[in-house]
PDB file of N, CA and C in Angstrom:
ATOM      1  N   LEU A   1      -2.721   3.783   4.949  1.00  0.00           N
ATOM      2  CA  LEU A   1      -2.775   2.965   6.134  1.00  0.00           C
ATOM      3  C   LEU A   1      -1.462   3.156   6.872  1.00  0.00           C
ATOM      4  N   PHE A   2      -1.524   3.395   8.179  1.00  0.00           N
ATOM      5  CA  PHE A   2      -0.316   3.551   8.970  1.00  0.00           C
ATOM      6  C   PHE A   2      -0.251   2.457  10.011  1.00  0.00           C
ATOM      7  N   LEU A   3       0.894   1.787  10.079  1.00  0.00           N
ATOM      8  CA  LEU A   3       1.140   0.742  11.069  1.00  0.00           C
ATOM      9  C   LEU A   3       2.143   1.296  12.082  1.00  0.00           C
ATOM     10  N   PRO A   4       1.664   1.960  13.137  1.00  0.00           N
ATOM     11  CA  PRO A   4       2.575   2.649  14.061  1.00  0.00           C
ATOM     12  C   PRO A   4       3.580   1.731  14.748  1.00  0.00           C
ATOM     13  N   LYS A   5       3.186   0.500  15.024  1.00  0.00           N
ATOM     14  CA  LYS A   5       4.104  -0.444  15.681  1.00  0.00           C
ATOM     15  C   LYS A   5       5.372  -0.658  14.851  1.00  0.00           C
ATOM     16  N   TYR A   6       5.222  -0.590  13.522  1.00  0.00           N
ATOM     17  CA  TYR A   6       6.350  -0.843  12.620  1.00  0.00           C
ATOM     18  C   TYR A   6       6.838   0.422  11.917  1.00  0.00           C
ATOM     19  N   ASN A   7       6.173   1.540  12.175  1.00  0.00           N
ATOM     20  CA  ASN A   7       6.527   2.816  11.543  1.00  0.00           C
ATOM     21  C   ASN A   7       6.519   2.703  10.013  1.00  0.00           C
ATOM     22  N   ILE A   8       5.431   2.126   9.507  1.00  0.00           N
ATOM     23  CA  ILE A   8       5.277   1.901   8.070  1.00  0.00           C
ATOM     24  C   ILE A   8       3.958   2.500   7.600  1.00  0.00           C
ATOM     25  N   GLY A   9       4.036   3.214   6.492  1.00  0.00           N
ATOM     26  CA  GLY A   9       2.839   3.708   5.819  1.00  0.00           C
ATOM     27  C   GLY A   9       2.634   2.923   4.535  1.00  0.00           C
ATOM     28  N   ILE A  10       1.388   2.576   4.251  1.00  0.00           N
ATOM     29  CA  ILE A  10       1.058   1.838   3.031  1.00  0.00           C
ATOM     30  C   ILE A  10      -0.016   2.627   2.301  1.00  0.00           C
ATOM     31  N   GLU A  11       0.205   2.847   1.017  1.00  0.00           N
ATOM     32  CA  GLU A  11      -0.773   3.597   0.230  1.00  0.00           C
ATOM     33  C   GLU A  11      -1.053   2.878  -1.073  1.00  0.00           C
ATOM     34  N   TYR A  12      -2.328   2.839  -1.431  1.00  0.00           N
ATOM     35  CA  TYR A  12      -2.724   2.325  -2.733  1.00  0.00           C
ATOM     36  C   TYR A  12      -2.939   3.524  -3.638  1.00  0.00           C
ATOM     37  N   ASP A  13      -2.205   3.587  -4.730  1.00  0.00           N
ATOM     38  CA  ASP A  13      -2.303   4.695  -5.681  1.00  0.00           C
ATOM     39  C   ASP A  13      -3.101   4.246  -6.893  1.00  0.00           C
ATOM     40  N   GLY A  14      -4.312   4.760  -7.031  1.00  0.00           N
ATOM     41  CA  GLY A  14      -5.153   4.460  -8.186  1.00  0.00           C
ATOM     42  C   GLY A  14      -4.903   5.458  -9.306  1.00  0.00           C
ATOM     43  N   VAL A  15      -5.103   5.029 -10.518  1.00  0.00           N
ATOM     44  CA  VAL A  15      -4.858   5.871 -11.696  1.00  0.00           C
ATOM     45  C   VAL A  15      -5.727   7.123 -11.669  1.00  0.00           C
ATOM     46  N   PHE A  16      -6.988   6.986 -11.298  1.00  0.00           N
ATOM     47  CA  PHE A  16      -7.910   8.121 -11.356  1.00  0.00           C
ATOM     48  C   PHE A  16      -7.371   9.317 -10.584  1.00  0.00           C
ATOM     49  N   TRP A  17      -6.890   9.103  -9.373  1.00  0.00           N
ATOM     50  CA  TRP A  17      -6.427  10.208  -8.534  1.00  0.00           C
ATOM     51  C   TRP A  17      -4.946  10.528  -8.740  1.00  0.00           C
ATOM     52  N   HIS A  18      -4.117   9.547  -8.941  1.00  0.00           N
ATOM     53  CA  HIS A  18      -2.666   9.749  -8.902  1.00  0.00           C
ATOM     54  C   HIS A  18      -2.009   9.956 -10.260  1.00  0.00           C
ATOM     55  N   ASN A  19      -2.753   9.854 -11.338  1.00  0.00           N
ATOM     56  CA  ASN A  19      -2.169   9.925 -12.677  1.00  0.00           C
ATOM     57  C   ASN A  19      -1.459  11.254 -12.952  1.00  0.00           C
ATOM     58  N   SER A  20      -1.995  12.343 -12.454  1.00  0.00           N
ATOM     59  CA  SER A  20      -1.414  13.659 -12.747  1.00  0.00           C
ATOM     60  C   SER A  20      -0.862  14.329 -11.500  1.00  0.00           C
ATOM     61  N   LYS A  21      -0.448  13.564 -10.529  1.00  0.00           N
ATOM     62  CA  LYS A  21      -0.012  14.116  -9.245  1.00  0.00           C
ATOM     63  C   LYS A  21       1.455  13.796  -8.925  1.00  0.00           C
ATOM     64  N   GLN A  22       2.303  13.719  -9.926  1.00  0.00           N
ATOM     65  CA  GLN A  22       3.694  13.307  -9.718  1.00  0.00           C
ATOM     66  C   GLN A  22       4.429  14.220  -8.723  1.00  0.00           C
ATOM     67  N   ALA A  23       4.228  15.535  -8.827  1.00  0.00           N
ATOM     68  CA  ALA A  23       4.905  16.464  -7.915  1.00  0.00           C
ATOM     69  C   ALA A  23       4.445  16.249  -6.475  1.00  0.00           C
ATOM     70  N   LEU A  24       3.158  16.031  -6.290  1.00  0.00           N
ATOM     71  CA  LEU A  24       2.616  15.768  -4.955  1.00  0.00           C
ATOM     72  C   LEU A  24       3.158  14.454  -4.403  1.00  0.00           C
ATOM     73  N   GLU A  25       3.273  13.439  -5.264  1.00  0.00           N
ATOM     74  CA  GLU A  25       3.809  12.144  -4.835  1.00  0.00           C
ATOM     75  C   GLU A  25       5.266  12.283  -4.379  1.00  0.00           C
ATOM     76  N   GLN A  26       6.049  13.054  -5.105  1.00  0.00           N
ATOM     77  CA  GLN A  26       7.445  13.284  -4.724  1.00  0.00           C
ATOM     78  C   GLN A  26       7.530  13.986  -3.369  1.00  0.00           C
ATOM     79  N   LYS A  27       6.671  14.980  -3.163  1.00  0.00           N
ATOM     80  CA  LYS A  27       6.670  15.707  -1.889  1.00  0.00           C
ATOM     81  C   LYS A  27       6.299  14.777  -0.743  1.00  0.00           C
ATOM     82  N   LYS A  28       5.293  13.928  -0.967  1.00  0.00           N
ATOM     83  CA  LYS A  28       4.885  12.976   0.065  1.00  0.00           C
ATOM     84  C   LYS A  28       6.021  12.008   0.377  1.00  0.00           C
ATOM     85  N   ASN A  29       6.714  11.519  -0.652  1.00  0.00           N
ATOM     86  CA  ASN A  29       7.869  10.636  -0.432  1.00  0.00           C
ATOM     87  C   ASN A  29       8.907  11.328   0.447  1.00  0.00           C
ATOM     88  N   GLN A  30       9.180  12.601   0.180  1.00  0.00           N
ATOM     89  CA  GLN A  30      10.174  13.353   0.953  1.00  0.00           C
ATOM     90  C   GLN A  30       9.740  13.532   2.406  1.00  0.00           C
ATOM     91  N   ILE A  31       8.455  13.794   2.620  1.00  0.00           N
ATOM     92  CA  ILE A  31       7.943  13.955   3.988  1.00  0.00           C
ATOM     93  C   ILE A  31       8.111  12.660   4.772  1.00  0.00           C
ATOM     94  N   PHE A  32       7.739  11.539   4.169  1.00  0.00           N
ATOM     95  CA  PHE A  32       7.881  10.252   4.851  1.00  0.00           C
ATOM     96  C   PHE A  32       9.344   9.952   5.137  1.00  0.00           C
ATOM     97  N   GLU A  33      10.211  10.275   4.187  1.00  0.00           N
ATOM     98  CA  GLU A  33      11.636  10.043   4.412  1.00  0.00           C
ATOM     99  C   GLU A  33      12.141  10.904   5.565  1.00  0.00           C
ATOM    100  N   LYS A  34      11.736  12.149   5.612  1.00  0.00           N
ATOM    101  CA  LYS A  34      12.161  13.061   6.679  1.00  0.00           C
ATOM    102  C   LYS A  34      11.671  12.577   8.046  1.00  0.00           C
ATOM    103  N   LEU A  35      10.471  11.999   8.090  1.00  0.00           N
ATOM    104  CA  LEU A  35       9.910  11.470   9.333  1.00  0.00           C
ATOM    105  C   LEU A  35      10.410  10.067   9.661  1.00  0.00           C
ATOM    106  N   ASN A  36      11.278   9.526   8.780  1.00  0.00           N
ATOM    107  CA  ASN A  36      11.832   8.184   8.951  1.00  0.00           C
ATOM    108  C   ASN A  36      10.745   7.107   9.008  1.00  0.00           C
ATOM    109  N   ILE A  37       9.715   7.287   8.166  1.00  0.00           N
ATOM    110  CA  ILE A  37       8.643   6.304   8.045  1.00  0.00           C
ATOM    111  C   ILE A  37       8.857   5.548   6.744  1.00  0.00           C
ATOM    112  N   LYS A  38       8.968   4.225   6.846  1.00  0.00           N
ATOM    113  CA  LYS A  38       9.043   3.415   5.621  1.00  0.00           C
ATOM    114  C   LYS A  38       7.717   3.558   4.896  1.00  0.00           C
ATOM    115  N   PHE A  39       7.795   3.714   3.585  1.00  0.00           N
ATOM    116  CA  PHE A  39       6.596   3.987   2.792  1.00  0.00           C
ATOM    117  C   PHE A  39       6.478   2.941   1.702  1.00  0.00           C
ATOM    118  N   ILE A  40       5.336   2.274   1.671  1.00  0.00           N
ATOM    119  CA  ILE A  40       5.066   1.264   0.653  1.00  0.00           C
ATOM    120  C   ILE A  40       3.930   1.781  -0.213  1.00  0.00           C
ATOM    121  N   ARG A  41       4.195   1.900  -1.498  1.00  0.00           N
ATOM    122  CA  ARG A  41       3.167   2.334  -2.443  1.00  0.00           C
ATOM    123  C   ARG A  41       2.777   1.147  -3.316  1.00  0.00           C
ATOM    124  N   ILE A  42       1.484   0.881  -3.391  1.00  0.00           N
ATOM    125  CA  ILE A  42       0.971  -0.101  -4.332  1.00  0.00           C
ATOM    126  C   ILE A  42       0.365   0.713  -5.466  1.00  0.00           C
ATOM    127  N   ARG A  43       0.953   0.605  -6.650  1.00  0.00           N
ATOM    128  CA  ARG A  43       0.592   1.461  -7.780  1.00  0.00           C
ATOM    129  C   ARG A  43      -0.259   0.686  -8.783  1.00  0.00           C
ATOM    130  N   GLU A  44      -1.421   1.250  -9.094  1.00  0.00           N
ATOM    131  CA  GLU A  44      -2.327   0.628 -10.046  1.00  0.00           C
ATOM    132  C   GLU A  44      -1.686   0.570 -11.433  1.00  0.00           C
ATOM    133  N   PHE A  45      -2.068  -0.422 -12.193  1.00  0.00           N
ATOM    134  CA  PHE A  45      -1.583  -0.608 -13.565  1.00  0.00           C
ATOM    135  C   PHE A  45      -1.769   0.695 -14.350  1.00  0.00           C
ATOM    136  N   GLY A  46      -0.707   1.116 -15.020  1.00  0.00           N
ATOM    137  CA  GLY A  46      -0.754   2.344 -15.803  1.00  0.00           C
ATOM    138  C   GLY A  46      -0.031   3.508 -15.157  1.00  0.00           C
ATOM    139  N   LEU A  47       0.351   3.370 -13.893  1.00  0.00           N
ATOM    140  CA  LEU A  47       1.107   4.418 -13.211  1.00  0.00           C
ATOM    141  C   LEU A  47       2.595   4.069 -13.221  1.00  0.00           C
ATOM    142  N   SER A  48       3.414   5.085 -13.332  1.00  0.00           N
ATOM    143  CA  SER A  48       4.862   4.869 -13.282  1.00  0.00           C
ATOM    144  C   SER A  48       5.335   4.915 -11.835  1.00  0.00           C
ATOM    145  N   THR A  49       6.580   4.578 -11.624  1.00  0.00           N
ATOM    146  CA  THR A  49       7.149   4.632 -10.282  1.00  0.00           C
ATOM    147  C   THR A  49       7.368   6.084  -9.879  1.00  0.00           C
ATOM    148  N   THR A  50       7.486   6.307  -8.569  1.00  0.00           N
ATOM    149  CA  THR A  50       7.708   7.663  -8.059  1.00  0.00           C
ATOM    150  C   THR A  50       9.138   7.865  -7.571  1.00  0.00           C
ATOM    151  N   GLY A  51       9.962   6.834  -7.651  1.00  0.00           N
ATOM    152  CA  GLY A  51      11.351   6.967  -7.215  1.00  0.00           C
ATOM    153  C   GLY A  51      11.519   6.966  -5.713  1.00  0.00           C
ATOM    154  N   ILE A  52      10.640   6.284  -5.025  1.00  0.00           N
ATOM    155  CA  ILE A  52      10.686   6.234  -3.568  1.00  0.00           C
ATOM    156  C   ILE A  52      12.024   5.661  -3.102  1.00  0.00           C
ATOM    157  N   THR A  53      12.598   6.257  -2.043  1.00  0.00           N
ATOM    158  CA  THR A  53      13.888   5.792  -1.531  1.00  0.00           C
ATOM    159  C   THR A  53      13.792   5.255  -0.110  1.00  0.00           C
ATOM    160  N   ASN A  54      12.685   5.455   0.554  1.00  0.00           N
ATOM    161  CA  ASN A  54      12.535   5.039   1.948  1.00  0.00           C
ATOM    162  C   ASN A  54      11.498   3.934   2.119  1.00  0.00           C
ATOM    163  N   GLY A  55      11.407   3.067   1.132  1.00  0.00           N
ATOM    164  CA  GLY A  55      10.441   1.977   1.176  1.00  0.00           C
ATOM    165  C   GLY A  55      10.473   1.235  -0.140  1.00  0.00           C
ATOM    166  N   THR A  56       9.298   0.937  -0.663  1.00  0.00           N
ATOM    167  CA  THR A  56       9.233   0.218  -1.926  1.00  0.00           C
ATOM    168  C   THR A  56       7.943   0.555  -2.654  1.00  0.00           C
ATOM    169  N   GLU A  57       7.945   0.267  -3.938  1.00  0.00           N
ATOM    170  CA  GLU A  57       6.745   0.404  -4.753  1.00  0.00           C
ATOM    171  C   GLU A  57       6.413  -0.949  -5.353  1.00  0.00           C
ATOM    172  N   ILE A  58       5.152  -1.286  -5.302  1.00  0.00           N
ATOM    173  CA  ILE A  58       4.660  -2.527  -5.888  1.00  0.00           C
ATOM    174  C   ILE A  58       3.756  -2.121  -7.038  1.00  0.00           C
ATOM    175  N   LEU A  59       4.113  -2.528  -8.238  1.00  0.00           N
ATOM    176  CA  LEU A  59       3.349  -2.147  -9.421  1.00  0.00           C
ATOM    177  C   LEU A  59       2.417  -3.285  -9.825  1.00  0.00           C
ATOM    178  N   MET A  60       1.138  -2.958  -9.995  1.00  0.00           N
ATOM    179  CA  MET A  60       0.196  -3.969 -10.489  1.00  0.00           C
ATOM    180  C   MET A  60       0.608  -4.345 -11.903  1.00  0.00           C
ATOM    181  N   GLU A  61       0.551  -5.619 -12.214  1.00  0.00           N
ATOM    182  CA  GLU A  61       1.047  -6.117 -13.499  1.00  0.00           C
ATOM    183  C   GLU A  61      -0.014  -6.126 -14.587  1.00  0.00           C
ATOM    184  N   GLY A  62      -1.195  -5.657 -14.294  1.00  0.00           N
ATOM    185  CA  GLY A  62      -2.276  -5.613 -15.272  1.00  0.00           C
ATOM    186  C   GLY A  62      -3.470  -4.901 -14.675  1.00  0.00           C
ATOM    187  N   PRO A  63      -4.533  -4.779 -15.461  1.00  0.00           N
ATOM    188  CA  PRO A  63      -5.743  -4.140 -14.938  1.00  0.00           C
ATOM    189  C   PRO A  63      -6.233  -4.837 -13.664  1.00  0.00           C
ATOM    190  N   ALA A  64      -6.910  -4.087 -12.807  1.00  0.00           N
ATOM    191  CA  ALA A  64      -7.371  -4.616 -11.522  1.00  0.00           C
ATOM    192  C   ALA A  64      -8.239  -5.854 -11.708  1.00  0.00           C
ATOM    193  N   SER A  65      -7.880  -6.896 -10.980  1.00  0.00           N
ATOM    194  CA  SER A  65      -8.629  -8.153 -10.981  1.00  0.00           C
ATOM    195  C   SER A  65      -8.292  -8.883  -9.690  1.00  0.00           C
ATOM    196  N   HIS A  66      -8.986  -9.970  -9.450  1.00  0.00           N
ATOM    197  CA  HIS A  66      -8.667 -10.770  -8.262  1.00  0.00           C
ATOM    198  C   HIS A  66      -7.221 -11.266  -8.315  1.00  0.00           C
ATOM    199  N   ASP A  67      -6.761 -11.645  -9.506  1.00  0.00           N
ATOM    200  CA  ASP A  67      -5.385 -12.136  -9.664  1.00  0.00           C
ATOM    201  C   ASP A  67      -4.359 -11.048  -9.380  1.00  0.00           C
ATOM    202  N   THR A  68      -4.539  -9.867  -9.982  1.00  0.00           N
ATOM    203  CA  THR A  68      -3.539  -8.814  -9.785  1.00  0.00           C
ATOM    204  C   THR A  68      -3.549  -8.315  -8.341  1.00  0.00           C
ATOM    205  N   LEU A  69      -4.729  -8.283  -7.712  1.00  0.00           N
ATOM    206  CA  LEU A  69      -4.787  -7.883  -6.307  1.00  0.00           C
ATOM    207  C   LEU A  69      -4.085  -8.914  -5.427  1.00  0.00           C
ATOM    208  N   ALA A  70      -4.319 -10.188  -5.679  1.00  0.00           N
ATOM    209  CA  ALA A  70      -3.638 -11.236  -4.912  1.00  0.00           C
ATOM    210  C   ALA A  70      -2.128 -11.134  -5.090  1.00  0.00           C
ATOM    211  N   ASN A  71      -1.661 -10.891  -6.309  1.00  0.00           N
ATOM    212  CA  ASN A  71      -0.221 -10.742  -6.556  1.00  0.00           C
ATOM    213  C   ASN A  71       0.355  -9.558  -5.785  1.00  0.00           C
ATOM    214  N   CYS A  72      -0.373  -8.435  -5.751  1.00  0.00           N
ATOM    215  CA  CYS A  72       0.098  -7.259  -5.017  1.00  0.00           C
ATOM    216  C   CYS A  72       0.155  -7.525  -3.517  1.00  0.00           C
ATOM    217  N   ILE A  73      -0.886  -8.168  -2.992  1.00  0.00           N
ATOM    218  CA  ILE A  73      -0.900  -8.485  -1.560  1.00  0.00           C
ATOM    219  C   ILE A  73       0.254  -9.418  -1.219  1.00  0.00           C
ATOM    220  N   ASN A  74       0.506 -10.405  -2.058  1.00  0.00           N
ATOM    221  CA  ASN A  74       1.616 -11.323  -1.808  1.00  0.00           C
ATOM    222  C   ASN A  74       2.962 -10.609  -1.888  1.00  0.00           C
ATOM    223  N   SER A  75       3.100  -9.674  -2.819  1.00  0.00           N
ATOM    224  CA  SER A  75       4.339  -8.883  -2.894  1.00  0.00           C
ATOM    225  C   SER A  75       4.509  -8.040  -1.637  1.00  0.00           C
ATOM    226  N   LEU A  76       3.412  -7.457  -1.168  1.00  0.00           N
ATOM    227  CA  LEU A  76       3.444  -6.684   0.074  1.00  0.00           C
ATOM    228  C   LEU A  76       3.851  -7.574   1.238  1.00  0.00           C
ATOM    229  N   PHE A  77       3.249  -8.760   1.346  1.00  0.00           N
ATOM    230  CA  PHE A  77       3.579  -9.682   2.426  1.00  0.00           C
ATOM    231  C   PHE A  77       5.050 -10.102   2.375  1.00  0.00           C
ATOM    232  N   LEU A  78       5.559 -10.374   1.174  1.00  0.00           N
ATOM    233  CA  LEU A  78       6.974 -10.749   1.040  1.00  0.00           C
ATOM    234  C   LEU A  78       7.890  -9.615   1.496  1.00  0.00           C
ATOM    235  N   TYR A  79       7.538  -8.382   1.147  1.00  0.00           N
ATOM    236  CA  TYR A  79       8.336  -7.232   1.580  1.00  0.00           C
ATOM    237  C   TYR A  79       8.306  -7.112   3.107  1.00  0.00           C
ATOM    238  N   LEU A  80       7.121  -7.231   3.707  1.00  0.00           N
ATOM    239  CA  LEU A  80       7.011  -7.137   5.168  1.00  0.00           C
ATOM    240  C   LEU A  80       7.757  -8.277   5.856  1.00  0.00           C
ATOM    241  N   GLN A  81       7.715  -9.461   5.278  1.00  0.00           N
ATOM    242  CA  GLN A  81       8.474 -10.594   5.832  1.00  0.00           C
ATOM    243  C   GLN A  81       9.963 -10.321   5.783  1.00  0.00           C
ATOM    244  N   SER A  82      10.441  -9.812   4.655  1.00  0.00           N
ATOM    245  CA  SER A  82      11.888  -9.612   4.507  1.00  0.00           C
ATOM    246  C   SER A  82      12.407  -8.441   5.337  1.00  0.00           C
ATOM    247  N   THR A  83      11.597  -7.417   5.540  1.00  0.00           N
ATOM    248  CA  THR A  83      12.074  -6.251   6.292  1.00  0.00           C
ATOM    249  C   THR A  83      11.780  -6.341   7.782  1.00  0.00           C
ATOM    250  N   LEU A  84      10.701  -7.027   8.160  1.00  0.00           N
ATOM    251  CA  LEU A  84      10.297  -7.075   9.568  1.00  0.00           C
ATOM    252  C   LEU A  84      10.387  -8.458  10.179  1.00  0.00           C
ATOM    253  N   GLY A  85      10.605  -9.478   9.349  1.00  0.00           N
ATOM    254  CA  GLY A  85      10.663 -10.837   9.855  1.00  0.00           C
ATOM    255  C   GLY A  85       9.304 -11.410  10.233  1.00  0.00           C
ATOM    256  N   LEU A  86       8.229 -10.806   9.715  1.00  0.00           N
ATOM    257  CA  LEU A  86       6.887 -11.307  10.001  1.00  0.00           C
ATOM    258  C   LEU A  86       6.610 -12.571   9.204  1.00  0.00           C
ATOM    259  N   LYS A  87       5.787 -13.436   9.755  1.00  0.00           N
ATOM    260  CA  LYS A  87       5.345 -14.630   9.041  1.00  0.00           C
ATOM    261  C   LYS A  87       3.919 -14.375   8.582  1.00  0.00           C
ATOM    262  N   LEU A  88       3.745 -14.246   7.270  1.00  0.00           N
ATOM    263  CA  LEU A  88       2.430 -13.958   6.692  1.00  0.00           C
ATOM    264  C   LEU A  88       2.099 -15.004   5.653  1.00  0.00           C
ATOM    265  N   ASN A  89       0.870 -15.475   5.667  1.00  0.00           N
ATOM    266  CA  ASN A  89       0.430 -16.471   4.694  1.00  0.00           C
ATOM    267  C   ASN A  89       0.109 -15.806   3.363  1.00  0.00           C
ATOM    268  N   GLN A  90       0.495 -16.463   2.290  1.00  0.00           N
ATOM    269  CA  GLN A  90       0.179 -15.965   0.956  1.00  0.00           C
ATOM    270  C   GLN A  90      -1.318 -16.104   0.695  1.00  0.00           C
ATOM    271  N   VAL A  91      -1.842 -15.253  -0.182  1.00  0.00           N
ATOM    272  CA  VAL A  91      -3.261 -15.313  -0.541  1.00  0.00           C
ATOM    273  C   VAL A  91      -3.384 -15.709  -2.005  1.00  0.00           C
ATOM    274  N   SER A  92      -4.560 -16.205  -2.358  1.00  0.00           N
ATOM    275  CA  SER A  92      -4.832 -16.577  -3.750  1.00  0.00           C
ATOM    276  C   SER A  92      -5.999 -15.743  -4.263  1.00  0.00           C
ATOM    277  N   ASN A  93      -6.216 -15.795  -5.573  1.00  0.00           N
ATOM    278  CA  ASN A  93      -7.364 -15.076  -6.117  1.00  0.00           C
ATOM    279  C   ASN A  93      -8.664 -15.648  -5.568  1.00  0.00           C
ATOM    280  N   THR A  94      -8.667 -16.926  -5.199  1.00  0.00           N
ATOM    281  CA  THR A  94      -9.845 -17.544  -4.589  1.00  0.00           C
ATOM    282  C   THR A  94     -10.123 -16.918  -3.229  1.00  0.00           C
ATOM    283  N   ASP A  95      -9.052 -16.635  -2.460  1.00  0.00           N
ATOM    284  CA  ASP A  95      -9.208 -15.957  -1.168  1.00  0.00           C
ATOM    285  C   ASP A  95      -9.833 -14.578  -1.370  1.00  0.00           C
ATOM    286  N   ILE A  96      -9.359 -13.866  -2.380  1.00  0.00           N
ATOM    287  CA  ILE A  96      -9.871 -12.521  -2.660  1.00  0.00           C
ATOM    288  C   ILE A  96     -11.350 -12.593  -3.041  1.00  0.00           C
ATOM    289  N   LYS A  97     -11.699 -13.499  -3.931  1.00  0.00           N
ATOM    290  CA  LYS A  97     -13.097 -13.641  -4.355  1.00  0.00           C
ATOM    291  C   LYS A  97     -13.999 -13.984  -3.170  1.00  0.00           C
ATOM    292  N   ALA A  98     -13.568 -14.936  -2.355  1.00  0.00           N
ATOM    293  CA  ALA A  98     -14.391 -15.400  -1.239  1.00  0.00           C
ATOM    294  C   ALA A  98     -14.590 -14.319  -0.182  1.00  0.00           C
ATOM    295  N   ASN A  99     -13.637 -13.412  -0.053  1.00  0.00           N
ATOM    296  CA  ASN A  99     -13.683 -12.395   1.000  1.00  0.00           C
ATOM    297  C   ASN A  99     -13.885 -10.985   0.473  1.00  0.00           C
ATOM    298  N   GLU A 100     -14.278 -10.859  -0.773  1.00  0.00           N
ATOM    299  CA  GLU A 100     -14.373  -9.536  -1.404  1.00  0.00           C
ATOM    300  C   GLU A 100     -15.287  -8.581  -0.632  1.00  0.00           C
ATOM    301  N   LYS A 101     -16.443  -9.022  -0.234  1.00  0.00           N
ATOM    302  CA  LYS A 101     -17.369  -8.148   0.485  1.00  0.00           C
ATOM    303  C   LYS A 101     -16.762  -7.690   1.815  1.00  0.00           C
ATOM    304  N   HIS A 102     -16.172  -8.601   2.541  1.00  0.00           N
ATOM    305  CA  HIS A 102     -15.536  -8.267   3.821  1.00  0.00           C
ATOM    306  C   HIS A 102     -14.372  -7.290   3.610  1.00  0.00           C
ATOM    307  N   ILE A 103     -13.576  -7.510   2.582  1.00  0.00           N
ATOM    308  CA  ILE A 103     -12.439  -6.631   2.283  1.00  0.00           C
ATOM    309  C   ILE A 103     -12.942  -5.217   2.002  1.00  0.00           C
ATOM    310  N   ARG A 104     -13.967  -5.108   1.180  1.00  0.00           N
ATOM    311  CA  ARG A 104     -14.527  -3.782   0.860  1.00  0.00           C
ATOM    312  C   ARG A 104     -15.091  -3.100   2.102  1.00  0.00           C
ATOM    313  N   ASN A 105     -15.771  -3.844   2.972  1.00  0.00           N
ATOM    314  CA  ASN A 105     -16.316  -3.259   4.196  1.00  0.00           C
ATOM    315  C   ASN A 105     -15.217  -2.801   5.144  1.00  0.00           C
ATOM    316  N   GLN A 106     -14.118  -3.541   5.225  1.00  0.00           N
ATOM    317  CA  GLN A 106     -13.015  -3.181   6.107  1.00  0.00           C
ATOM    318  C   GLN A 106     -12.266  -1.951   5.627  1.00  0.00           C
ATOM    319  N   TYR A 107     -12.312  -1.684   4.340  1.00  0.00           N
ATOM    320  CA  TYR A 107     -11.595  -0.539   3.784  1.00  0.00           C
ATOM    321  C   TYR A 107     -12.003   0.748   4.486  1.00  0.00           C
ATOM    322  N   HIS A 108     -13.286   0.981   4.659  1.00  0.00           N
ATOM    323  CA  HIS A 108     -13.755   2.225   5.270  1.00  0.00           C
ATOM    324  C   HIS A 108     -13.323   2.326   6.724  1.00  0.00           C
ATOM    325  N   PHE A 109     -13.386   1.226   7.466  1.00  0.00           N
ATOM    326  CA  PHE A 109     -12.952   1.223   8.857  1.00  0.00           C
ATOM    327  C   PHE A 109     -11.462   1.519   8.948  1.00  0.00           C
ATOM    328  N   SER A 110     -10.654   0.801   8.188  1.00  0.00           N
ATOM    329  CA  SER A 110      -9.205   0.981   8.226  1.00  0.00           C
ATOM    330  C   SER A 110      -8.809   2.368   7.766  1.00  0.00           C
ATOM    331  N   TYR A 111      -9.516   2.898   6.784  1.00  0.00           N
ATOM    332  CA  TYR A 111      -9.182   4.214   6.258  1.00  0.00           C
ATOM    333  C   TYR A 111      -9.256   5.260   7.358  1.00  0.00           C
ATOM    334  N   GLN A 112     -10.281   5.197   8.182  1.00  0.00           N
ATOM    335  CA  GLN A 112     -10.442   6.186   9.232  1.00  0.00           C
ATOM    336  C   GLN A 112      -9.540   5.903  10.423  1.00  0.00           C
ATOM    337  N   GLU A 113      -9.455   4.660  10.834  1.00  0.00           N
ATOM    338  CA  GLU A 113      -8.711   4.316  12.042  1.00  0.00           C
ATOM    339  C   GLU A 113      -7.200   4.383  11.876  1.00  0.00           C
ATOM    340  N   ASN A 114      -6.696   3.962  10.725  1.00  0.00           N
ATOM    341  CA  ASN A 114      -5.246   3.846  10.545  1.00  0.00           C
ATOM    342  C   ASN A 114      -4.697   4.769   9.467  1.00  0.00           C
ATOM    343  N   ASN A 115      -5.376   5.849   9.215  1.00  0.00           N
ATOM    344  CA  ASN A 115      -4.928   6.806   8.208  1.00  0.00           C
ATOM    345  C   ASN A 115      -3.647   7.473   8.706  1.00  0.00           C
ATOM    346  N   ILE A 116      -2.662   7.579   7.844  1.00  0.00           N
ATOM    347  CA  ILE A 116      -1.391   8.193   8.230  1.00  0.00           C
ATOM    348  C   ILE A 116      -1.586   9.634   8.695  1.00  0.00           C
ATOM    349  N   LEU A 117      -2.601  10.301   8.196  1.00  0.00           N
ATOM    350  CA  LEU A 117      -2.869  11.677   8.609  1.00  0.00           C
ATOM    351  C   LEU A 117      -3.312  11.749  10.068  1.00  0.00           C
ATOM    352  N   ASN A 118      -3.797  10.664  10.605  1.00  0.00           N
ATOM    353  CA  ASN A 118      -4.246  10.645  12.003  1.00  0.00           C
ATOM    354  C   ASN A 118      -3.150  10.244  12.973  1.00  0.00           C
ATOM    355  N   CYS A 119      -1.967   9.916  12.502  1.00  0.00           N
ATOM    356  CA  CYS A 119      -0.936   9.379  13.392  1.00  0.00           C
ATOM    357  C   CYS A 119      -0.480  10.406  14.427  1.00  0.00           C
ATOM    358  N   LYS A 120      -0.508  11.670  14.121  1.00  0.00           N
ATOM    359  CA  LYS A 120      -0.076  12.706  15.062  1.00  0.00           C
ATOM    360  C   LYS A 120      -1.161  13.032  16.090  1.00  0.00           C
ATOM    361  N   LYS A 121      -2.400  12.641  15.825  1.00  0.00           N
ATOM    362  CA  LYS A 121      -3.520  12.953  16.712  1.00  0.00           C
ATOM    363  C   LYS A 121      -3.543  12.068  17.945  1.00  0.00           C
ATOM    364  N   ARG A 122      -2.844  10.941  17.911  1.00  0.00           N
ATOM    365  CA  ARG A 122      -2.895   9.963  19.014  1.00  0.00           C
ATOM    366  C   ARG A 122      -1.971  10.338  20.125  1.00  0.00           C
TER     367      ARG A 122
END
């Protein structure tokens, strides 16, 4: 996800795809740093850090669940508040459960519209 107004890229790294891609992750970190884009990685439980220097990494504290997702979103919101001064409301696992279908449906829209790979096309 790319937020052009704030020059921030956000990526969710799942174990299935990112478990054996450490070299690729390092290269991506370097590209974002060279482009001066802050990069936020949300790393699924079981993945190690990538040593990002131009942003932050948020590590899930356990297997994927409504609780761990809410904790990651709140960590992301706290980071955005501290770096950008945004006011964001915290979420709970109840919020995640109640909006799960909507969240899943929005994923496909956001993936296409705000993909960091599309930022140069605009």
